Amino acid sequence: MMKPAAQMIHDYRKARGITQVHVGTRAGMTGQKVSAYETGLVRMPADEFLKIITDGFGVTPQIFFDDQLSENECMNAGKA
């Protein structure tokens, strides 16, 4: 099962010890906005999700989906 986008950015950010303010500044938004997205207080549009990933984290969005695909493949491997 794929994680919600908010959970993906939260987990990625926390695992790297990056603050919401740092991500927000790089992505052209406030740390409060990043927090609101992560907690689900505000619905995160796809373009903002991409901005956080590409500008805020400086990575390609593909890494978020490659991990999810690998997890799903492992979970479904024995079901064929």
Protein backbone atom coordinates (compact mmCIF):
# COMPACT_ATOMS: atom_id res chain seq x y z
CA MET A 1 0.00 0.00 0.00
CA MET A 2 1.34 3.41 -0.96
CA LYS A 3 1.87 5.94 1.80
CA PRO A 4 0.02 9.25 1.59
CA ALA A 5 2.11 12.08 0.10
CA ALA A 6 2.12 13.94 3.42
CA GLN A 7 3.57 10.90 5.19
CA MET A 8 6.21 10.46 2.48
CA ILE A 9 7.54 13.99 2.83
CA HIS A 10 7.39 13.85 6.63
CA ASP A 11 9.29 10.56 6.79
CA TYR A 12 11.89 11.67 4.25
CA ARG A 13 12.48 14.99 6.01
CA LYS A 14 12.72 13.46 9.50
CA ALA A 15 15.05 10.67 8.34
CA ARG A 16 17.47 13.29 7.05
CA GLY A 17 17.20 15.64 10.01
CA ILE A 18 15.97 18.54 7.88
CA THR A 19 13.68 21.16 9.41
CA GLN A 20 10.36 22.24 7.94
CA VAL A 21 11.69 25.80 7.75
CA HIS A 22 14.69 24.66 5.69
CA VAL A 23 12.50 22.71 3.26
CA GLY A 24 10.00 25.55 3.06
CA THR A 25 12.65 28.18 2.38
CA ARG A 26 14.16 26.12 -0.44
CA ALA A 27 10.70 25.40 -1.87
CA GLY A 28 9.56 29.03 -1.69
CA MET A 29 7.03 28.57 1.10
CA THR A 30 6.96 28.88 4.87
CA GLY A 31 7.85 26.17 7.34
CA GLN A 32 4.31 26.53 8.66
CA LYS A 33 2.94 25.58 5.24
CA VAL A 34 5.18 22.51 5.11
CA SER A 35 3.94 21.59 8.59
CA ALA A 36 0.31 22.04 7.55
CA TYR A 37 0.86 19.73 4.58
CA GLU A 38 2.69 17.10 6.64
CA THR A 39 0.01 16.98 9.32
CA GLY A 40 -2.84 16.96 6.82
CA LEU A 41 -4.23 20.21 8.19
CA VAL A 42 -4.19 21.54 4.63
CA ARG A 43 -4.66 19.42 1.51
CA MET A 44 -1.42 19.37 -0.48
CA PRO A 45 -1.81 20.01 -4.22
CA ALA A 46 0.33 17.90 -6.55
CA ASP A 47 2.36 20.91 -7.71
CA GLU A 48 3.25 21.78 -4.10
CA PHE A 49 4.22 18.14 -3.42
CA LEU A 50 6.57 18.28 -6.41
CA LYS A 51 7.96 21.65 -5.32
CA ILE A 52 8.78 20.26 -1.87
CA ILE A 53 10.48 17.22 -3.36
CA THR A 54 12.42 18.89 -6.16
CA ASP A 55 13.21 22.28 -4.63
CA GLY A 56 12.89 21.62 -0.91
CA PHE A 57 14.70 18.28 -0.84
CA GLY A 58 16.62 18.62 -4.10
CA VAL A 59 15.74 15.12 -5.29
CA THR A 60 13.72 13.55 -8.07
CA PRO A 61 10.14 12.48 -7.28
CA GLN A 62 10.92 9.04 -8.68
CA ILE A 63 12.73 7.99 -5.48
CA PHE A 64 9.49 8.22 -3.52
CA PHE A 65 7.69 5.94 -5.91
CA ASP A 66 10.55 3.50 -6.49
CA ASP A 67 10.56 2.70 -2.76
CA GLN A 68 6.80 2.17 -2.79
CA LEU A 69 6.97 -0.07 -5.85
CA SER A 70 9.71 -2.16 -4.27
CA GLU A 71 7.65 -2.63 -1.09
CA ASN A 72 4.60 -3.65 -3.11
CA GLU A 73 6.62 -6.07 -5.22
CA CYS A 74 8.00 -7.74 -2.10
CA MET A 75 4.56 -7.96 -0.51
CA ASN A 76 3.00 -9.45 -3.66
CA ALA A 77 5.85 -11.79 -4.60
CA GLY A 78 4.34 -14.85 -2.95
CA LYS A 79 0.81 -14.26 -4.23
CA ALA A 80 1.33 -15.31 -7.85
